[in-house]
Amino acid sequence: PYDMTLSGADGSAARIAATPGARKLPSPHLHQFLLPGFLTTEQCIGLIERIDACVRPSTITDDTGDPVFRTSETGDLDHRDPLIAEIDAMLCTLTGIARDYGEPLQGQRYEPGQEFKAHTDYFEPTGVDYQAHTHVSGQRTWTAMAYLNKVEAGGATRFPHLDKI
């Protein structure tokens, strides 16, 4: 097990729950929250512009042998950009996790029909790249996702092992 006191992640659930407007979704398996309006419209527009300017085909850390396991595009966002730094600081404040334990922000873009098949967001201890990804800032303990636009259909994140859709 990962010692979450090092990063401050041990207090993240309580911090987020105490945030005005945060809603905890019921689950005995994980802490999951919704926080509508976390980003402003201007921040969302700025993120979309930055993601669109730097997208590349998405990758995965451990090869599954399935060439269509992840078909989205990823934009690696520059932490020196004032907007990205501002949003990163907001996430650090929200979670109470020090910046040194976080990863660079990324944006994902999905066209109709693209997907990222069932996976974990933490690094699998048996994975080929486990040591490379966890030796500096440790194991992933929280994932923050912001949906930047509305779609007519699809666009969902499913948690099949948790009966969450």
C-alpha atoms as a PDB file:
ATOM      1  CA  PRO A   1       0.000   0.000   0.000  1.00  0.00           C
ATOM      2  CA  TYR A   2       1.054   3.536  -0.757  1.00  0.00           C
ATOM      3  CA  ASP A   3       1.671   5.984   2.121  1.00  0.00           C
ATOM      4  CA  MET A   4      -0.645   8.852   1.195  1.00  0.00           C
ATOM      5  CA  THR A   5       0.546  11.031   4.083  1.00  0.00           C
ATOM      6  CA  LEU A   6       3.698  11.889   2.105  1.00  0.00           C
ATOM      7  CA  SER A   7       1.750  13.747  -0.590  1.00  0.00           C
ATOM      8  CA  GLY A   8      -1.157  14.970   1.503  1.00  0.00           C
ATOM      9  CA  ALA A   9      -3.556  12.673  -0.363  1.00  0.00           C
ATOM     10  CA  ASP A  10      -4.720  11.110   2.905  1.00  0.00           C
ATOM     11  CA  GLY A  11      -6.836  14.210   3.546  1.00  0.00           C
ATOM     12  CA  SER A  12      -8.070  14.757  -0.010  1.00  0.00           C
ATOM     13  CA  ALA A  13     -11.505  13.173   0.404  1.00  0.00           C
ATOM     14  CA  ALA A  14     -12.341  15.324   3.434  1.00  0.00           C
ATOM     15  CA  ARG A  15     -11.012  18.458   1.707  1.00  0.00           C
ATOM     16  CA  ILE A  16     -13.023  17.890  -1.435  1.00  0.00           C
ATOM     17  CA  ALA A  17     -16.152  16.969   0.534  1.00  0.00           C
ATOM     18  CA  ALA A  18     -15.881  20.284   2.409  1.00  0.00           C
ATOM     19  CA  THR A  19     -15.680  22.270  -0.836  1.00  0.00           C
ATOM     20  CA  PRO A  20     -18.876  24.236  -1.507  1.00  0.00           C
ATOM     21  CA  GLY A  21     -20.869  22.590  -4.296  1.00  0.00           C
ATOM     22  CA  ALA A  22     -19.009  19.274  -4.163  1.00  0.00           C
ATOM     23  CA  ARG A  23     -21.194  16.191  -4.280  1.00  0.00           C
ATOM     24  CA  LYS A  24     -19.895  12.812  -3.147  1.00  0.00           C
ATOM     25  CA  LEU A  25     -21.197   9.933  -5.207  1.00  0.00           C
ATOM     26  CA  PRO A  26     -22.168   6.890  -3.158  1.00  0.00           C
ATOM     27  CA  SER A  27     -19.742   3.997  -3.439  1.00  0.00           C
ATOM     28  CA  PRO A  28     -18.212   1.637  -0.904  1.00  0.00           C
ATOM     29  CA  HIS A  29     -15.235   1.160  -3.252  1.00  0.00           C
ATOM     30  CA  LEU A  30     -13.829   4.646  -3.822  1.00  0.00           C
ATOM     31  CA  HIS A  31     -14.137   8.355  -3.137  1.00  0.00           C
ATOM     32  CA  GLN A  32     -15.743   9.983  -6.153  1.00  0.00           C
ATOM     33  CA  PHE A  33     -16.949  13.565  -6.313  1.00  0.00           C
ATOM     34  CA  LEU A  34     -18.654  15.880  -8.767  1.00  0.00           C
ATOM     35  CA  LEU A  35     -17.813  19.558  -8.615  1.00  0.00           C
ATOM     36  CA  PRO A  36     -19.882  21.465 -11.173  1.00  0.00           C
ATOM     37  CA  GLY A  37     -18.460  24.804 -12.245  1.00  0.00           C
ATOM     38  CA  PHE A  38     -14.940  24.112 -10.978  1.00  0.00           C
ATOM     39  CA  LEU A  39     -13.537  25.758 -14.117  1.00  0.00           C
ATOM     40  CA  THR A  40     -14.871  28.952 -15.636  1.00  0.00           C
ATOM     41  CA  THR A  41     -16.099  29.114 -19.219  1.00  0.00           C
ATOM     42  CA  GLU A  42     -12.984  31.128 -20.087  1.00  0.00           C
ATOM     43  CA  GLN A  43     -10.707  28.486 -18.557  1.00  0.00           C
ATOM     44  CA  CYS A  44     -12.488  25.732 -20.515  1.00  0.00           C
ATOM     45  CA  ILE A  45     -12.132  27.665 -23.778  1.00  0.00           C
ATOM     46  CA  GLY A  46      -8.454  28.304 -23.042  1.00  0.00           C
ATOM     47  CA  LEU A  47      -7.833  24.635 -22.300  1.00  0.00           C
ATOM     48  CA  ILE A  48      -9.557  23.528 -25.500  1.00  0.00           C
ATOM     49  CA  GLU A  49      -7.399  25.956 -27.522  1.00  0.00           C
ATOM     50  CA  ARG A  50      -4.213  24.685 -25.890  1.00  0.00           C
ATOM     51  CA  ILE A  51      -5.146  21.022 -26.264  1.00  0.00           C
ATOM     52  CA  ASP A  52      -6.063  21.486 -29.930  1.00  0.00           C
ATOM     53  CA  ALA A  53      -2.704  23.166 -30.560  1.00  0.00           C
ATOM     54  CA  CYS A  54      -0.651  20.214 -29.312  1.00  0.00           C
ATOM     55  CA  VAL A  55      -2.621  16.978 -29.738  1.00  0.00           C
ATOM     56  CA  ARG A  56      -0.922  13.753 -30.670  1.00  0.00           C
ATOM     57  CA  PRO A  57      -2.153  10.146 -30.705  1.00  0.00           C
ATOM     58  CA  SER A  58      -2.713   8.943 -27.132  1.00  0.00           C
ATOM     59  CA  THR A  59      -0.444   6.266 -25.692  1.00  0.00           C
ATOM     60  CA  ILE A  60      -0.569   3.820 -22.792  1.00  0.00           C
ATOM     61  CA  THR A  61       2.166   2.957 -20.304  1.00  0.00           C
ATOM     62  CA  ASP A  62       2.004  -0.832 -20.650  1.00  0.00           C
ATOM     63  CA  ASP A  63       1.320  -2.401 -24.047  1.00  0.00           C
ATOM     64  CA  THR A  64      -1.815  -4.544 -23.989  1.00  0.00           C
ATOM     65  CA  GLY A  65      -1.241  -5.951 -27.468  1.00  0.00           C
ATOM     66  CA  ASP A  66      -4.487  -4.312 -28.614  1.00  0.00           C
ATOM     67  CA  PRO A  67      -3.698  -1.625 -31.228  1.00  0.00           C
ATOM     68  CA  VAL A  68      -7.094   0.050 -30.651  1.00  0.00           C
ATOM     69  CA  PHE A  69      -7.043  -0.077 -26.841  1.00  0.00           C
ATOM     70  CA  ARG A  70      -6.828   3.721 -26.775  1.00  0.00           C
ATOM     71  CA  THR A  71      -7.819   5.693 -29.837  1.00  0.00           C
ATOM     72  CA  SER A  72      -8.096   9.242 -28.467  1.00  0.00           C
ATOM     73  CA  GLU A  73      -5.713  12.151 -28.845  1.00  0.00           C
ATOM     74  CA  THR A  74      -3.703  13.704 -26.006  1.00  0.00           C
ATOM     75  CA  GLY A  75      -2.414  17.223 -25.522  1.00  0.00           C
ATOM     76  CA  ASP A  76       0.477  17.628 -23.084  1.00  0.00           C
ATOM     77  CA  LEU A  77      -0.028  21.005 -21.432  1.00  0.00           C
ATOM     78  CA  ASP A  78       2.857  23.331 -20.603  1.00  0.00           C
ATOM     79  CA  HIS A  79       3.092  23.950 -16.841  1.00  0.00           C
ATOM     80  CA  ARG A  80       4.790  27.311 -17.565  1.00  0.00           C
ATOM     81  CA  ASP A  81       1.662  28.611 -19.317  1.00  0.00           C
ATOM     82  CA  PRO A  82      -0.117  30.940 -16.851  1.00  0.00           C
ATOM     83  CA  LEU A  83      -3.535  29.330 -17.467  1.00  0.00           C
ATOM     84  CA  ILE A  84      -2.189  25.820 -16.946  1.00  0.00           C
ATOM     85  CA  ALA A  85      -0.293  26.906 -13.812  1.00  0.00           C
ATOM     86  CA  GLU A  86      -3.472  28.534 -12.478  1.00  0.00           C
ATOM     87  CA  ILE A  87      -5.569  25.389 -13.015  1.00  0.00           C
ATOM     88  CA  ASP A  88      -2.842  23.153 -11.597  1.00  0.00           C
ATOM     89  CA  ALA A  89      -2.714  25.337  -8.468  1.00  0.00           C
ATOM     90  CA  MET A  90      -6.502  25.108  -8.182  1.00  0.00           C
ATOM     91  CA  LEU A  91      -6.296  21.306  -8.293  1.00  0.00           C
ATOM     92  CA  CYS A  92      -3.522  21.244  -5.689  1.00  0.00           C
ATOM     93  CA  THR A  93      -5.596  23.468  -3.402  1.00  0.00           C
ATOM     94  CA  LEU A  94      -8.713  21.354  -3.956  1.00  0.00           C
ATOM     95  CA  THR A  95      -7.005  18.052  -3.166  1.00  0.00           C
ATOM     96  CA  GLY A  96      -4.359  19.218  -0.710  1.00  0.00           C
ATOM     97  CA  ILE A  97      -1.763  17.310  -2.721  1.00  0.00           C
ATOM     98  CA  ALA A  98       1.545  19.125  -3.118  1.00  0.00           C
ATOM     99  CA  ARG A  99       2.549  19.952  -6.703  1.00  0.00           C
ATOM    100  CA  ASP A 100       5.660  17.796  -6.395  1.00  0.00           C
ATOM    101  CA  TYR A 101       3.408  14.731  -6.194  1.00  0.00           C
ATOM    102  CA  GLY A 102       1.328  15.603  -9.234  1.00  0.00           C
ATOM    103  CA  GLU A 103       1.820  14.992 -12.903  1.00  0.00           C
ATOM    104  CA  PRO A 104       1.755  17.473 -15.768  1.00  0.00           C
ATOM    105  CA  LEU A 105      -1.770  18.279 -16.901  1.00  0.00           C
ATOM    106  CA  GLN A 106      -3.006  16.671 -20.096  1.00  0.00           C
ATOM    107  CA  GLY A 107      -6.071  17.080 -22.218  1.00  0.00           C
ATOM    108  CA  GLN A 108      -7.797  14.231 -24.001  1.00  0.00           C
ATOM    109  CA  ARG A 109      -9.825  14.649 -27.148  1.00  0.00           C
ATOM    110  CA  TYR A 110     -12.254  12.017 -28.366  1.00  0.00           C
ATOM    111  CA  GLU A 111     -13.878  12.088 -31.772  1.00  0.00           C
ATOM    112  CA  PRO A 112     -17.065  10.026 -32.278  1.00  0.00           C
ATOM    113  CA  GLY A 113     -16.212   6.339 -32.013  1.00  0.00           C
ATOM    114  CA  GLN A 114     -12.897   6.836 -30.206  1.00  0.00           C
ATOM    115  CA  GLU A 115     -12.371   5.252 -26.819  1.00  0.00           C
ATOM    116  CA  PHE A 116     -10.032   4.236 -24.034  1.00  0.00           C
ATOM    117  CA  LYS A 117     -10.976   0.705 -23.038  1.00  0.00           C
ATOM    118  CA  ALA A 118     -11.328  -0.378 -19.398  1.00  0.00           C
ATOM    119  CA  HIS A 119      -8.131   0.421 -17.488  1.00  0.00           C
ATOM    120  CA  THR A 120      -6.856   1.671 -14.155  1.00  0.00           C
ATOM    121  CA  ASP A 121      -5.468   5.149 -13.644  1.00  0.00           C
ATOM    122  CA  TYR A 122      -2.912   3.944 -11.119  1.00  0.00           C
ATOM    123  CA  PHE A 123       0.283   2.248 -12.179  1.00  0.00           C
ATOM    124  CA  GLU A 124       0.013  -1.527 -11.993  1.00  0.00           C
ATOM    125  CA  PRO A 125       2.758  -2.866  -9.696  1.00  0.00           C
ATOM    126  CA  THR A 126       3.331  -5.704 -12.171  1.00  0.00           C
ATOM    127  CA  GLY A 127       3.605  -3.274 -15.107  1.00  0.00           C
ATOM    128  CA  VAL A 128       6.782  -2.966 -17.118  1.00  0.00           C
ATOM    129  CA  ASP A 129       7.108   0.747 -16.370  1.00  0.00           C
ATOM    130  CA  TYR A 130       5.963   0.715 -12.727  1.00  0.00           C
ATOM    131  CA  GLN A 131       9.323   1.818 -11.264  1.00  0.00           C
ATOM    132  CA  ALA A 132       9.875   4.468 -13.938  1.00  0.00           C
ATOM    133  CA  HIS A 133       6.490   6.070 -13.235  1.00  0.00           C
ATOM    134  CA  THR A 134       6.435   5.858  -9.446  1.00  0.00           C
ATOM    135  CA  HIS A 135      10.015   6.481  -8.330  1.00  0.00           C
ATOM    136  CA  VAL A 136       9.759  10.299  -8.379  1.00  0.00           C
ATOM    137  CA  SER A 137       6.277  11.268  -7.248  1.00  0.00           C
ATOM    138  CA  GLY A 138       4.882   7.916  -6.167  1.00  0.00           C
ATOM    139  CA  GLN A 139       1.751   6.034  -7.070  1.00  0.00           C
ATOM    140  CA  ARG A 140      -1.264   7.846  -8.471  1.00  0.00           C
ATOM    141  CA  THR A 141      -3.875   8.329  -5.756  1.00  0.00           C
ATOM    142  CA  TRP A 142      -6.402  10.706  -7.351  1.00  0.00           C
ATOM    143  CA  THR A 143      -7.542  11.499 -10.873  1.00  0.00           C
ATOM    144  CA  ALA A 144      -9.234  14.788 -11.700  1.00  0.00           C
ATOM    145  CA  MET A 145     -11.230  15.059 -14.916  1.00  0.00           C
ATOM    146  CA  ALA A 146     -12.901  18.133 -16.330  1.00  0.00           C
ATOM    147  CA  TYR A 147     -15.341  17.811 -19.185  1.00  0.00           C
ATOM    148  CA  LEU A 148     -14.796  20.889 -21.324  1.00  0.00           C
ATOM    149  CA  ASN A 149     -17.751  20.687 -23.666  1.00  0.00           C
ATOM    150  CA  LYS A 150     -21.215  19.149 -23.878  1.00  0.00           C
ATOM    151  CA  VAL A 151     -22.025  16.439 -26.379  1.00  0.00           C
ATOM    152  CA  GLU A 152     -25.381  15.234 -27.648  1.00  0.00           C
ATOM    153  CA  ALA A 153     -24.600  11.592 -26.872  1.00  0.00           C
ATOM    154  CA  GLY A 154     -21.708   9.515 -25.563  1.00  0.00           C
ATOM    155  CA  GLY A 155     -18.721  11.078 -23.891  1.00  0.00           C
ATOM    156  CA  ALA A 156     -19.196   9.095 -20.701  1.00  0.00           C
ATOM    157  CA  THR A 157     -16.627   7.707 -18.321  1.00  0.00           C
ATOM    158  CA  ARG A 158     -17.741   4.310 -17.112  1.00  0.00           C
ATOM    159  CA  PHE A 159     -16.630   2.441 -14.015  1.00  0.00           C
ATOM    160  CA  PRO A 160     -17.781  -1.087 -14.875  1.00  0.00           C
ATOM    161  CA  HIS A 161     -16.352  -2.804 -11.797  1.00  0.00           C
ATOM    162  CA  LEU A 162     -18.149  -0.298  -9.579  1.00  0.00           C
ATOM    163  CA  ASP A 163     -21.508  -0.364 -11.397  1.00  0.00           C
ATOM    164  CA  LYS A 164     -21.035   3.346 -12.206  1.00  0.00           C
ATOM    165  CA  ILE A 165     -21.949   4.728 -15.592  1.00  0.00           C
END
